[in-house]
């Protein structure tokens, strides 16, 4: 009987070692998954354009400012996202863009977003254009209205130059007489 207990005990020990191995393996796989998908670094528009064949039909993370208009098309919408060098069109489900408040223009700074989606070098669905079909969107910072300030140095220079122009015009009129 003692031998049977020892055998059962060692079997239990092997079972717990296997369980620890599986838990460790699962934890490592979860870490790798979260690192590659949740913490993937955004790719630049220049990288996407220059290496379009490499990224074609692959999941990418792209970050930038929403500019222009949100163009609604049924259940989907087009948004343009500008990363500081180029803007790329994003085709995304309309339910995902509900948090976008500001789009970039002369009077506003657009919301900064991070798009995860499928990059298309020549999208057959959209006439062969380069685009990203958005799967997820995350607002990284909120946009805001922009108030342009008058550049007083330029205003003063314009007034001085206008005064000089008036003096030249008046002197040319007096020379003609």
Protein backbone atom coordinates (compact mmCIF):
# COMPACT_ATOMS: atom_id res chain seq x y z
CA UNK A 1 0.00 0.00 0.00
CA UNK A 2 2.79 2.41 0.76
CA UNK A 3 4.25 1.77 -2.69
CA UNK A 4 0.92 2.59 -4.32
CA UNK A 5 0.74 5.89 -2.47
CA UNK A 6 4.25 6.73 -3.55
CA UNK A 7 3.36 5.93 -7.17
CA UNK A 8 0.25 8.06 -6.93
CA UNK A 9 2.29 10.80 -5.29
CA UNK A 10 4.89 10.77 -8.06
CA UNK A 11 2.10 10.78 -10.65
CA UNK A 12 0.67 13.81 -8.95
CA UNK A 13 4.10 15.43 -9.00
CA UNK A 14 4.41 14.78 -12.78
CA UNK A 15 0.91 16.14 -13.34
CA UNK A 16 1.73 19.38 -11.49
CA UNK A 17 5.00 19.74 -13.42
CA UNK A 18 3.13 19.31 -16.72
CA UNK A 19 0.50 21.79 -15.59
CA UNK A 20 3.21 24.32 -14.69
CA UNK A 21 4.76 23.80 -18.14
CA UNK A 22 1.40 24.40 -19.86
CA UNK A 23 0.64 27.47 -17.76
CA UNK A 24 4.11 28.87 -18.47
CA UNK A 25 3.72 28.17 -22.20
CA UNK A 26 0.26 29.76 -22.27
CA UNK A 27 1.56 32.83 -20.40
CA UNK A 28 4.43 33.20 -22.86
CA UNK A 29 2.07 32.87 -25.86
CA UNK A 30 -0.26 35.46 -24.33
CA UNK A 31 2.67 37.84 -23.78
CA UNK A 32 3.86 37.44 -27.38
CA UNK A 33 0.32 37.97 -28.68
CA UNK A 34 -0.22 41.10 -26.60
CA UNK A 35 3.17 42.50 -27.55
CA UNK A 36 2.71 42.00 -31.29
CA UNK A 37 -0.90 43.06 -31.57
CA UNK A 38 -1.60 45.42 -28.70
CA UNK A 39 1.74 47.19 -28.57
CA UNK A 40 2.71 47.12 -32.23
CA UNK A 41 4.53 50.25 -33.34
CA UNK A 42 2.70 52.41 -35.88
CA UNK A 43 4.15 52.38 -39.37
CA UNK A 44 4.73 55.60 -41.33
CA UNK A 45 2.97 56.46 -44.57
CA UNK A 46 6.33 56.76 -46.30
CA UNK A 47 7.19 53.20 -45.28
CA UNK A 48 3.82 51.95 -46.52
CA UNK A 49 4.09 53.76 -49.85
CA UNK A 50 7.73 52.84 -50.52
CA UNK A 51 7.25 49.19 -49.54
CA UNK A 52 3.66 48.67 -50.65
CA UNK A 53 4.29 45.17 -52.02
CA UNK A 54 5.74 44.05 -48.70
CA UNK A 55 2.75 45.25 -46.65
CA UNK A 56 0.02 44.40 -49.19
CA UNK A 57 -2.93 42.63 -47.51
CA UNK A 58 -1.18 42.61 -44.13
CA UNK A 59 -2.44 44.01 -40.84
CA UNK A 60 -0.75 47.32 -40.04
CA UNK A 61 -0.98 49.96 -37.34
CA UNK A 62 -1.04 53.53 -38.70
CA UNK A 63 -1.20 56.70 -36.64
CA UNK A 64 -1.97 60.31 -37.48
CA UNK A 65 -4.39 63.23 -37.46
CA UNK A 66 -7.86 62.92 -38.99
CA UNK A 67 -8.11 65.62 -41.68
CA UNK A 68 -10.66 66.78 -44.20
CA UNK A 69 -14.22 65.50 -44.01
CA UNK A 70 -15.72 62.26 -42.79
CA UNK A 71 -17.36 60.90 -45.93
CA UNK A 72 -20.18 58.55 -44.94
CA UNK A 73 -21.10 55.76 -47.38
CA UNK A 74 -23.89 53.63 -45.89
CA UNK A 75 -22.52 51.55 -43.02
CA UNK A 76 -18.93 52.66 -43.77
CA UNK A 77 -17.04 55.92 -44.03
CA UNK A 78 -13.86 57.30 -45.54
CA UNK A 79 -11.51 59.25 -43.31
CA UNK A 80 -8.11 60.65 -44.24
CA UNK A 81 -5.35 60.24 -41.68
CA UNK A 82 -2.26 62.45 -42.02
CA UNK A 83 0.94 61.36 -40.27
CA UNK A 84 2.94 64.53 -40.98
CA UNK A 85 4.19 63.47 -44.42
CA UNK A 86 1.29 61.88 -46.32
CA UNK A 87 -2.40 61.18 -45.84
CA UNK A 88 -3.86 57.72 -46.37
CA UNK A 89 -7.53 56.96 -46.90
CA UNK A 90 -9.10 54.70 -44.30
CA UNK A 91 -12.26 52.71 -45.10
CA UNK A 92 -13.88 51.99 -41.73
CA UNK A 93 -17.17 50.92 -40.23
CA UNK A 94 -19.20 53.95 -39.24
CA UNK A 95 -19.76 52.59 -35.72
CA UNK A 96 -16.01 52.80 -35.03
CA UNK A 97 -15.71 56.54 -35.74
CA UNK A 98 -18.30 57.77 -33.26
CA UNK A 99 -15.56 59.17 -30.99
CA UNK A 100 -14.03 61.43 -33.67
CA UNK A 101 -14.99 64.97 -32.72
CA UNK A 102 -12.59 67.18 -34.68
CA UNK A 103 -11.21 66.82 -38.18
CA UNK A 104 -8.20 68.87 -39.22
CA UNK A 105 -8.73 72.03 -41.24
CA UNK A 106 -7.51 75.62 -41.16
CA UNK A 107 -9.59 76.32 -38.06
CA UNK A 108 -9.17 73.03 -36.17
CA UNK A 109 -6.57 70.45 -35.26
CA UNK A 110 -8.03 67.00 -35.89
CA UNK A 111 -8.21 64.15 -33.42
CA UNK A 112 -5.11 61.96 -33.38
CA UNK A 113 -6.00 58.31 -33.95
CA UNK A 114 -4.30 54.95 -34.20
CA UNK A 115 -5.79 52.69 -36.86
CA UNK A 116 -5.33 48.94 -37.01
CA UNK A 117 -6.36 47.56 -40.37
CA UNK A 118 -5.57 45.70 -43.57
CA UNK A 119 -3.30 47.64 -45.94
CA UNK A 120 -4.15 47.43 -49.65
CA UNK A 121 -1.57 48.44 -52.23
CA UNK A 122 -4.22 48.47 -54.98
CA UNK A 123 -7.66 47.85 -53.49
CA UNK A 124 -9.90 46.04 -55.98
CA UNK A 125 -12.98 47.13 -54.04
CA UNK A 126 -12.10 50.84 -54.35
CA UNK A 127 -10.84 51.25 -57.91
CA UNK A 128 -7.22 50.23 -57.36
CA UNK A 129 -6.40 52.93 -54.82
CA UNK A 130 -3.96 52.54 -51.94
CA UNK A 131 -5.95 52.38 -48.70
CA UNK A 132 -6.36 50.75 -45.31
CA UNK A 133 -9.51 48.87 -44.35
CA UNK A 134 -9.80 49.76 -40.67
CA UNK A 135 -10.57 47.02 -38.17
CA UNK A 136 -10.09 49.05 -35.00
CA UNK A 137 -9.51 52.68 -34.11
CA UNK A 138 -8.17 54.27 -30.94
CA UNK A 139 -8.22 58.00 -30.25
CA UNK A 140 -4.79 58.93 -28.88
CA UNK A 141 -5.46 62.63 -28.34
CA UNK A 142 -8.35 64.99 -28.84
CA UNK A 143 -8.40 67.72 -31.45
CA UNK A 144 -9.19 71.34 -30.75
CA UNK A 145 -10.11 74.61 -32.41
CA UNK A 146 -7.17 76.76 -33.50
CA UNK A 147 -7.16 80.50 -33.10
CA UNK A 148 -4.82 82.20 -35.52
CA UNK A 149 -2.96 85.13 -34.01
CA UNK A 150 -2.21 88.18 -36.05
CA UNK A 151 1.50 88.49 -36.73
CA UNK A 152 2.08 92.10 -35.64
CA UNK A 153 5.53 92.27 -37.27
CA UNK A 154 4.03 91.41 -40.66
CA UNK A 155 1.19 93.89 -40.12
CA UNK A 156 3.64 96.69 -39.26
CA UNK A 157 5.82 95.86 -42.26
CA UNK A 158 2.75 95.96 -44.54
CA UNK A 159 1.79 99.41 -43.16
CA UNK A 160 5.34 100.75 -43.71
CA UNK A 161 5.46 99.36 -47.26
CA UNK A 162 2.01 100.84 -47.99
CA UNK A 163 3.26 104.22 -46.75
CA UNK A 164 6.35 103.98 -48.98
CA UNK A 165 4.17 103.02 -51.94
CA UNK A 166 1.93 106.04 -51.32
CA UNK A 167 4.97 108.35 -51.16
CA UNK A 168 6.36 106.92 -54.43
CA UNK A 169 2.97 107.29 -56.09
CA UNK A 170 2.57 110.89 -54.89
CA UNK A 171 6.12 111.80 -56.00
CA UNK A 172 5.48 110.30 -59.46
CA UNK A 173 2.30 112.39 -59.76
CA UNK A 174 4.19 115.57 -58.79
CA UNK A 175 6.99 114.83 -61.32
CA UNK A 176 4.43 114.56 -64.12
CA UNK A 177 3.11 118.06 -63.42
